């Protein structure tokens, strides 16, 4: 299943972004507290207020919401602030071929790459590598399949843009301000 891309990706300005850690915090009688989180990085929740949007944009968002069957089907979306990455570490030490790998930023966070934005992917041993020849990439899962790599080789990308896997976190609501102008409130959450 190919995940759809949110129609205004990256999101426009004017949104609220909230970081969530799925934390579990216990407060004790002594006043001390202890907390844990099963996640290695925070996930974002976006509250998107579009004010006075055009009919065309409103129709596009409404159609996309319906295409995703509301809150049931995930999609890909670029964060408005954190969608570009430079100096991406791809892999090292793959022993079996084909090797299924992931792409990670310098903080070791997994990324779903927008394949149209990869600046140049290079191999330490063989120089430039290209999509379809030396590797394949599944944008939905984020799996990079390397067709040929030495055990002491590593790959890097100079720059790229990446998606977050998201789902709608609220119902699509629109208010008619005046004829032909709408105010839409829409919540989106990132999935692990």
C-alpha atoms as a PDB file:
ATOM      1  CA  UNK A   1       0.000   0.000   0.000  1.00  0.00           C
ATOM      2  CA  UNK A   2       1.470   3.347  -1.004  1.00  0.00           C
ATOM      3  CA  UNK A   3       0.961   6.024   1.615  1.00  0.00           C
ATOM      4  CA  UNK A   4      -0.453   9.288   0.309  1.00  0.00           C
ATOM      5  CA  UNK A   5       1.378  12.570   0.817  1.00  0.00           C
ATOM      6  CA  UNK A   6      -0.433  15.377   2.623  1.00  0.00           C
ATOM      7  CA  UNK A   7      -1.443  17.992   0.011  1.00  0.00           C
ATOM      8  CA  UNK A   8       0.258  20.949   1.717  1.00  0.00           C
ATOM      9  CA  UNK A   9       3.509  19.313   2.765  1.00  0.00           C
ATOM     10  CA  UNK A  10       5.363  20.818   4.546  1.00  0.00           C
ATOM     11  CA  UNK A  11       2.574  22.353   6.563  1.00  0.00           C
ATOM     12  CA  UNK A  12       1.967  26.099   6.281  1.00  0.00           C
ATOM     13  CA  UNK A  13       2.754  28.580   9.030  1.00  0.00           C
ATOM     14  CA  UNK A  14       0.327  29.305  11.831  1.00  0.00           C
ATOM     15  CA  UNK A  15       0.146  25.850  13.369  1.00  0.00           C
ATOM     16  CA  UNK A  16       0.764  24.632  16.883  1.00  0.00           C
ATOM     17  CA  UNK A  17       3.192  21.768  17.408  1.00  0.00           C
ATOM     18  CA  UNK A  18       3.175  19.811  20.655  1.00  0.00           C
ATOM     19  CA  UNK A  19       5.822  17.219  21.521  1.00  0.00           C
ATOM     20  CA  UNK A  20       4.630  14.018  23.196  1.00  0.00           C
ATOM     21  CA  UNK A  21       6.768  11.401  24.944  1.00  0.00           C
ATOM     22  CA  UNK A  22       4.056   8.892  25.954  1.00  0.00           C
ATOM     23  CA  UNK A  23       5.383   9.321  29.459  1.00  0.00           C
ATOM     24  CA  UNK A  24       4.122   7.483  32.509  1.00  0.00           C
ATOM     25  CA  UNK A  25       4.744   9.476  35.694  1.00  0.00           C
ATOM     26  CA  UNK A  26       4.048   8.279  39.229  1.00  0.00           C
ATOM     27  CA  UNK A  27       3.723  10.802  42.072  1.00  0.00           C
ATOM     28  CA  UNK A  28       4.488   9.432  45.545  1.00  0.00           C
ATOM     29  CA  UNK A  29       3.228  10.552  48.983  1.00  0.00           C
ATOM     30  CA  UNK A  30       6.682  11.902  49.775  1.00  0.00           C
ATOM     31  CA  UNK A  31       6.364  14.387  46.904  1.00  0.00           C
ATOM     32  CA  UNK A  32       8.912  12.547  44.787  1.00  0.00           C
ATOM     33  CA  UNK A  33       7.995  11.423  41.326  1.00  0.00           C
ATOM     34  CA  UNK A  34       9.357   8.877  38.900  1.00  0.00           C
ATOM     35  CA  UNK A  35       8.729   8.761  35.174  1.00  0.00           C
ATOM     36  CA  UNK A  36       9.478   6.545  32.207  1.00  0.00           C
ATOM     37  CA  UNK A  37       8.876   6.692  28.471  1.00  0.00           C
ATOM     38  CA  UNK A  38       9.112   3.784  26.022  1.00  0.00           C
ATOM     39  CA  UNK A  39      10.011   6.121  23.142  1.00  0.00           C
ATOM     40  CA  UNK A  40      13.520   7.135  22.082  1.00  0.00           C
ATOM     41  CA  UNK A  41      12.346  10.466  20.637  1.00  0.00           C
ATOM     42  CA  UNK A  42       9.284  12.659  20.986  1.00  0.00           C
ATOM     43  CA  UNK A  43       6.446  12.450  18.487  1.00  0.00           C
ATOM     44  CA  UNK A  44       4.692  15.574  17.280  1.00  0.00           C
ATOM     45  CA  UNK A  45       1.032  16.526  17.344  1.00  0.00           C
ATOM     46  CA  UNK A  46      -0.021  19.373  15.070  1.00  0.00           C
ATOM     47  CA  UNK A  47      -3.032  21.615  15.454  1.00  0.00           C
ATOM     48  CA  UNK A  48      -3.540  23.231  12.086  1.00  0.00           C
ATOM     49  CA  UNK A  49      -5.741  26.351  11.955  1.00  0.00           C
ATOM     50  CA  UNK A  50      -6.304  27.576   8.413  1.00  0.00           C
ATOM     51  CA  UNK A  51      -7.911  30.991   8.455  1.00  0.00           C
ATOM     52  CA  UNK A  52      -9.802  32.299   5.467  1.00  0.00           C
ATOM     53  CA  UNK A  53      -8.644  29.625   3.074  1.00  0.00           C
ATOM     54  CA  UNK A  54      -9.820  29.532  -0.507  1.00  0.00           C
ATOM     55  CA  UNK A  55     -12.463  27.160  -1.827  1.00  0.00           C
ATOM     56  CA  UNK A  56      -9.804  25.303  -3.798  1.00  0.00           C
ATOM     57  CA  UNK A  57      -7.641  24.633  -0.734  1.00  0.00           C
ATOM     58  CA  UNK A  58     -10.685  23.737   1.347  1.00  0.00           C
ATOM     59  CA  UNK A  59     -11.824  21.236  -1.278  1.00  0.00           C
ATOM     60  CA  UNK A  60      -8.333  19.726  -1.420  1.00  0.00           C
ATOM     61  CA  UNK A  61      -8.142  19.241   2.356  1.00  0.00           C
ATOM     62  CA  UNK A  62     -11.670  17.896   2.525  1.00  0.00           C
ATOM     63  CA  UNK A  63     -10.966  15.467  -0.322  1.00  0.00           C
ATOM     64  CA  UNK A  64      -7.693  14.332   1.286  1.00  0.00           C
ATOM     65  CA  UNK A  65      -9.402  13.767   4.648  1.00  0.00           C
ATOM     66  CA  UNK A  66     -12.042  11.661   2.908  1.00  0.00           C
ATOM     67  CA  UNK A  67      -9.401   9.811   0.856  1.00  0.00           C
ATOM     68  CA  UNK A  68      -7.724   8.807   4.130  1.00  0.00           C
ATOM     69  CA  UNK A  69     -11.119   7.661   5.461  1.00  0.00           C
ATOM     70  CA  UNK A  70     -10.866  10.211   8.227  1.00  0.00           C
ATOM     71  CA  UNK A  71      -8.628   9.065  11.028  1.00  0.00           C
ATOM     72  CA  UNK A  72      -8.155   5.500   9.781  1.00  0.00           C
ATOM     73  CA  UNK A  73      -5.370   5.599   7.157  1.00  0.00           C
ATOM     74  CA  UNK A  74      -1.824   6.929   7.757  1.00  0.00           C
ATOM     75  CA  UNK A  75      -0.149   9.342   5.353  1.00  0.00           C
ATOM     76  CA  UNK A  76       3.225  11.008   4.861  1.00  0.00           C
ATOM     77  CA  UNK A  77       3.801  14.641   5.780  1.00  0.00           C
ATOM     78  CA  UNK A  78       6.792  16.936   6.182  1.00  0.00           C
ATOM     79  CA  UNK A  79       7.210  18.800   9.438  1.00  0.00           C
ATOM     80  CA  UNK A  80       7.225  22.547   8.712  1.00  0.00           C
ATOM     81  CA  UNK A  81      10.455  23.116  10.616  1.00  0.00           C
ATOM     82  CA  UNK A  82      12.314  19.810  10.628  1.00  0.00           C
ATOM     83  CA  UNK A  83      12.034  18.325   7.160  1.00  0.00           C
ATOM     84  CA  UNK A  84      15.592  18.964   5.889  1.00  0.00           C
ATOM     85  CA  UNK A  85      18.622  17.028   7.045  1.00  0.00           C
ATOM     86  CA  UNK A  86      22.264  17.363   6.077  1.00  0.00           C
ATOM     87  CA  UNK A  87      24.962  14.712   6.450  1.00  0.00           C
ATOM     88  CA  UNK A  88      22.830  11.595   6.755  1.00  0.00           C
ATOM     89  CA  UNK A  89      24.488   8.345   7.813  1.00  0.00           C
ATOM     90  CA  UNK A  90      23.005   5.464   5.863  1.00  0.00           C
ATOM     91  CA  UNK A  91      24.724   2.240   6.878  1.00  0.00           C
ATOM     92  CA  UNK A  92      27.926   0.435   7.661  1.00  0.00           C
ATOM     93  CA  UNK A  93      29.042  -3.144   7.859  1.00  0.00           C
ATOM     94  CA  UNK A  94      26.314  -4.882   5.823  1.00  0.00           C
ATOM     95  CA  UNK A  95      27.365  -8.492   5.435  1.00  0.00           C
ATOM     96  CA  UNK A  96      24.598 -10.177   3.438  1.00  0.00           C
ATOM     97  CA  UNK A  97      23.273  -8.910   0.134  1.00  0.00           C
ATOM     98  CA  UNK A  98      20.702  -7.661  -0.491  1.00  0.00           C
ATOM     99  CA  UNK A  99      20.770  -5.888   2.854  1.00  0.00           C
ATOM    100  CA  UNK A 100      17.643  -4.146   4.170  1.00  0.00           C
ATOM    101  CA  UNK A 101      18.668  -1.005   6.013  1.00  0.00           C
ATOM    102  CA  UNK A 102      17.300   2.275   7.275  1.00  0.00           C
ATOM    103  CA  UNK A 103      18.356   5.895   6.983  1.00  0.00           C
ATOM    104  CA  UNK A 104      19.144   7.809  10.158  1.00  0.00           C
ATOM    105  CA  UNK A 105      19.968  11.410  10.950  1.00  0.00           C
ATOM    106  CA  UNK A 106      23.025  12.294  13.030  1.00  0.00           C
ATOM    107  CA  UNK A 107      20.958  11.913  16.213  1.00  0.00           C
ATOM    108  CA  UNK A 108      20.312   8.281  15.175  1.00  0.00           C
ATOM    109  CA  UNK A 109      16.620   8.913  14.540  1.00  0.00           C
ATOM    110  CA  UNK A 110      14.995   6.853  11.797  1.00  0.00           C
ATOM    111  CA  UNK A 111      13.754   8.755   8.729  1.00  0.00           C
ATOM    112  CA  UNK A 112      11.324   8.125   5.866  1.00  0.00           C
ATOM    113  CA  UNK A 113      13.115   9.874   3.033  1.00  0.00           C
ATOM    114  CA  UNK A 114      11.546  11.851   0.204  1.00  0.00           C
ATOM    115  CA  UNK A 115      13.465  10.148  -2.602  1.00  0.00           C
ATOM    116  CA  UNK A 116      13.058  13.132  -4.934  1.00  0.00           C
ATOM    117  CA  UNK A 117      15.161  15.299  -2.607  1.00  0.00           C
ATOM    118  CA  UNK A 118      18.273  13.192  -1.991  1.00  0.00           C
ATOM    119  CA  UNK A 119      21.195  15.470  -2.862  1.00  0.00           C
ATOM    120  CA  UNK A 120      23.816  12.849  -3.586  1.00  0.00           C
ATOM    121  CA  UNK A 121      24.254   9.464  -2.024  1.00  0.00           C
ATOM    122  CA  UNK A 122      27.846   8.293  -1.888  1.00  0.00           C
ATOM    123  CA  UNK A 123      29.607   5.088  -0.987  1.00  0.00           C
ATOM    124  CA  UNK A 124      32.931   5.244   0.837  1.00  0.00           C
ATOM    125  CA  UNK A 125      34.338   2.674  -1.600  1.00  0.00           C
ATOM    126  CA  UNK A 126      32.633   3.250  -4.941  1.00  0.00           C
ATOM    127  CA  UNK A 127      31.630   6.925  -4.989  1.00  0.00           C
ATOM    128  CA  UNK A 128      28.151   7.976  -6.162  1.00  0.00           C
ATOM    129  CA  UNK A 129      25.333   5.441  -5.889  1.00  0.00           C
ATOM    130  CA  UNK A 130      21.942   5.827  -7.545  1.00  0.00           C
ATOM    131  CA  UNK A 131      18.385   4.791  -6.782  1.00  0.00           C
ATOM    132  CA  UNK A 132      17.370   1.781  -8.862  1.00  0.00           C
ATOM    133  CA  UNK A 133      20.962   0.715  -9.608  1.00  0.00           C
ATOM    134  CA  UNK A 134      22.863   0.250  -6.343  1.00  0.00           C
ATOM    135  CA  UNK A 135      19.869   0.529  -4.010  1.00  0.00           C
ATOM    136  CA  UNK A 136      16.055   0.549  -3.855  1.00  0.00           C
ATOM    137  CA  UNK A 137      13.960   2.475  -1.372  1.00  0.00           C
ATOM    138  CA  UNK A 138      10.438   1.914  -0.044  1.00  0.00           C
ATOM    139  CA  UNK A 139       9.100   5.272   1.075  1.00  0.00           C
ATOM    140  CA  UNK A 140       6.219   3.768   3.088  1.00  0.00           C
ATOM    141  CA  UNK A 141       8.384   1.622   5.354  1.00  0.00           C
ATOM    142  CA  UNK A 142      11.613   3.600   5.085  1.00  0.00           C
ATOM    143  CA  UNK A 143      13.547   0.452   4.165  1.00  0.00           C
ATOM    144  CA  UNK A 144      16.599   0.907   1.982  1.00  0.00           C
ATOM    145  CA  UNK A 145      17.628  -2.254   0.136  1.00  0.00           C
ATOM    146  CA  UNK A 146      21.283  -2.220  -0.821  1.00  0.00           C
ATOM    147  CA  UNK A 147      22.066  -4.431  -3.819  1.00  0.00           C
ATOM    148  CA  UNK A 148      25.825  -4.523  -3.336  1.00  0.00           C
ATOM    149  CA  UNK A 149      27.983  -3.348  -0.463  1.00  0.00           C
ATOM    150  CA  UNK A 150      31.261  -4.422   1.134  1.00  0.00           C
ATOM    151  CA  UNK A 151      31.471  -5.211   4.822  1.00  0.00           C
ATOM    152  CA  UNK A 152      33.704  -2.212   5.533  1.00  0.00           C
ATOM    153  CA  UNK A 153      31.806   0.239   3.307  1.00  0.00           C
ATOM    154  CA  UNK A 154      29.473   2.946   4.524  1.00  0.00           C
ATOM    155  CA  UNK A 155      27.092   5.283   2.705  1.00  0.00           C
ATOM    156  CA  UNK A 156      26.159   8.886   3.361  1.00  0.00           C
ATOM    157  CA  UNK A 157      23.819  11.427   1.796  1.00  0.00           C
ATOM    158  CA  UNK A 158      24.796  15.089   1.679  1.00  0.00           C
ATOM    159  CA  UNK A 159      21.250  16.382   2.092  1.00  0.00           C
ATOM    160  CA  UNK A 160      17.655  15.219   1.874  1.00  0.00           C
ATOM    161  CA  UNK A 161      14.122  15.900   3.010  1.00  0.00           C
ATOM    162  CA  UNK A 162      12.092  13.427   5.010  1.00  0.00           C
ATOM    163  CA  UNK A 163       8.501  12.634   5.862  1.00  0.00           C
ATOM    164  CA  UNK A 164       6.831  11.764   9.113  1.00  0.00           C
ATOM    165  CA  UNK A 165       4.211   9.045   9.130  1.00  0.00           C
ATOM    166  CA  UNK A 166       1.049  10.676  10.438  1.00  0.00           C
ATOM    167  CA  UNK A 167      -2.667  10.188  10.879  1.00  0.00           C
ATOM    168  CA  UNK A 168      -5.506  12.637  11.479  1.00  0.00           C
ATOM    169  CA  UNK A 169      -6.114  13.036  15.205  1.00  0.00           C
ATOM    170  CA  UNK A 170      -9.422  14.873  14.999  1.00  0.00           C
ATOM    171  CA  UNK A 171     -12.457  15.104  12.825  1.00  0.00           C
ATOM    172  CA  UNK A 172     -12.395  17.558   9.931  1.00  0.00           C
ATOM    173  CA  UNK A 173     -14.288  20.660  11.061  1.00  0.00           C
ATOM    174  CA  UNK A 174     -14.962  23.775   9.045  1.00  0.00           C
ATOM    175  CA  UNK A 175     -16.800  26.952   9.894  1.00  0.00           C
ATOM    176  CA  UNK A 176     -18.087  29.283   7.233  1.00  0.00           C
ATOM    177  CA  UNK A 177     -16.924  32.784   8.152  1.00  0.00           C
ATOM    178  CA  UNK A 178     -18.557  34.464   5.193  1.00  0.00           C
ATOM    179  CA  UNK A 179     -19.647  33.011   1.874  1.00  0.00           C
ATOM    180  CA  UNK A 180     -16.666  31.290   0.257  1.00  0.00           C
ATOM    181  CA  UNK A 181     -14.298  31.667   3.216  1.00  0.00           C
ATOM    182  CA  UNK A 182     -13.732  28.927   5.738  1.00  0.00           C
ATOM    183  CA  UNK A 183     -11.960  28.443   9.021  1.00  0.00           C
ATOM    184  CA  UNK A 184     -10.737  24.868   9.434  1.00  0.00           C
ATOM    185  CA  UNK A 185      -9.401  23.199  12.564  1.00  0.00           C
ATOM    186  CA  UNK A 186      -7.581  19.991  12.031  1.00  0.00           C
ATOM    187  CA  UNK A 187      -5.323  17.928  14.321  1.00  0.00           C
ATOM    188  CA  UNK A 188      -2.638  15.570  13.020  1.00  0.00           C
ATOM    189  CA  UNK A 189      -0.396  13.266  15.043  1.00  0.00           C
ATOM    190  CA  UNK A 190       2.867  11.579  14.163  1.00  0.00           C
ATOM    191  CA  UNK A 191       3.017   7.804  14.421  1.00  0.00           C
ATOM    192  CA  UNK A 192       6.057   5.887  15.736  1.00  0.00           C
END
